Amino acid sequence: MKKEMAVIDSNGSLVDVEVISVFNLSDTGSNYAVYTFNDKDDNGLIKIYVTKFEKDNDSYSFSFIDSDEEWNTVKNVLKTMARSE
């Protein structure tokens, strides 16, 4: 069963995306969502995106990953996830 969420794309439109994974990092104290629009890059690979999120009552707010250190930690988690599948 596919999990979906609605996000605002670069054109300002609300679109549904497929959620690949959700995880929490105790190092940063943040939650992250890995998702895709199912668009492909020049090599034909599906692009994935990662965002931080917080739950606010019945909705979620998303934010950017602010630092290189945090991004490197997230990339290591993604690599571990890819190896285990």
Protein backbone atom coordinates (compact mmCIF):
# COMPACT_ATOMS: atom_id res chain seq x y z
CA MET A 1 0.00 0.00 0.00
CA LYS A 2 1.45 3.33 -1.07
CA LYS A 3 1.57 6.15 1.44
CA GLU A 4 0.94 9.61 0.07
CA MET A 5 1.09 13.17 1.33
CA ALA A 6 0.26 16.50 -0.25
CA VAL A 7 3.02 19.05 -0.78
CA ILE A 8 3.33 22.34 -2.59
CA ASP A 9 5.53 21.98 -5.67
CA SER A 10 7.88 24.58 -7.21
CA ASN A 11 4.93 26.08 -9.14
CA GLY A 12 2.93 26.64 -5.94
CA SER A 13 0.46 23.84 -6.76
CA LEU A 14 -0.70 21.30 -4.20
CA VAL A 15 0.28 17.81 -5.42
CA ASP A 16 0.26 14.31 -3.96
CA VAL A 17 3.66 12.63 -3.60
CA GLU A 18 4.60 9.07 -2.71
CA VAL A 19 6.18 8.72 0.74
CA ILE A 20 9.11 6.30 0.64
CA SER A 21 10.11 6.43 4.29
CA VAL A 22 9.76 8.44 7.49
CA PHE A 23 12.36 8.40 10.26
CA ASN A 24 13.58 10.26 13.33
CA LEU A 25 17.18 11.10 14.17
CA SER A 26 17.98 11.32 17.85
CA ASP A 27 21.18 13.24 16.96
CA THR A 28 19.14 16.14 15.59
CA GLY A 29 15.85 15.56 17.41
CA SER A 30 14.05 15.93 14.07
CA ASN A 31 11.69 13.86 11.94
CA TYR A 32 12.35 13.39 8.23
CA ALA A 33 10.27 12.27 5.26
CA VAL A 34 11.73 10.77 2.09
CA TYR A 35 9.37 11.19 -0.86
CA THR A 36 9.14 11.30 -4.65
CA PHE A 37 7.08 13.01 -7.33
CA ASN A 38 7.99 9.95 -9.45
CA ASP A 39 9.89 12.19 -11.87
CA LYS A 40 13.13 10.94 -13.43
CA ASP A 41 16.57 12.45 -13.84
CA ASP A 42 18.62 12.47 -17.06
CA ASN A 43 19.77 8.88 -16.36
CA GLY A 44 16.22 7.58 -15.99
CA LEU A 45 16.46 7.23 -12.19
CA ILE A 46 13.56 8.33 -10.01
CA LYS A 47 14.39 11.47 -8.04
CA ILE A 48 13.88 11.42 -4.28
CA TYR A 49 13.56 14.34 -1.89
CA VAL A 50 14.03 14.68 1.86
CA THR A 51 12.46 17.19 4.22
CA LYS A 52 12.30 17.77 7.96
CA PHE A 53 8.81 17.90 9.40
CA GLU A 54 6.93 18.65 12.60
CA LYS A 55 3.37 17.76 13.44
CA ASP A 56 1.17 20.72 14.36
CA ASN A 57 -2.21 19.45 15.61
CA ASP A 58 -3.74 17.78 12.53
CA SER A 59 -1.26 19.09 9.96
CA TYR A 60 2.46 19.01 9.28
CA SER A 61 4.96 21.76 8.65
CA PHE A 62 8.02 21.11 6.52
CA SER A 63 11.43 22.76 6.62
CA PHE A 64 14.80 22.55 4.92
CA ILE A 65 17.81 20.67 6.20
CA ASP A 66 19.95 23.58 7.39
CA SER A 67 23.52 22.37 7.71
CA ASP A 68 26.02 20.20 5.86
CA GLU A 69 26.51 18.16 9.05
CA GLU A 70 22.78 17.39 9.29
CA TRP A 71 22.59 16.60 5.56
CA ASN A 72 25.55 14.19 5.86
CA THR A 73 23.82 12.40 8.75
CA VAL A 74 20.63 12.06 6.69
CA LYS A 75 22.59 10.78 3.66
CA ASN A 76 24.20 8.10 5.84
CA VAL A 77 20.75 6.96 6.97
CA LEU A 78 19.59 6.80 3.35
CA LYS A 79 22.63 4.75 2.36
CA THR A 80 21.96 2.32 5.23
CA MET A 81 18.32 2.03 4.17
CA ALA A 82 19.33 1.35 0.54
CA ARG A 83 21.77 -1.39 1.55
CA SER A 84 19.18 -3.17 3.71
CA GLU A 85 16.60 -3.50 0.92
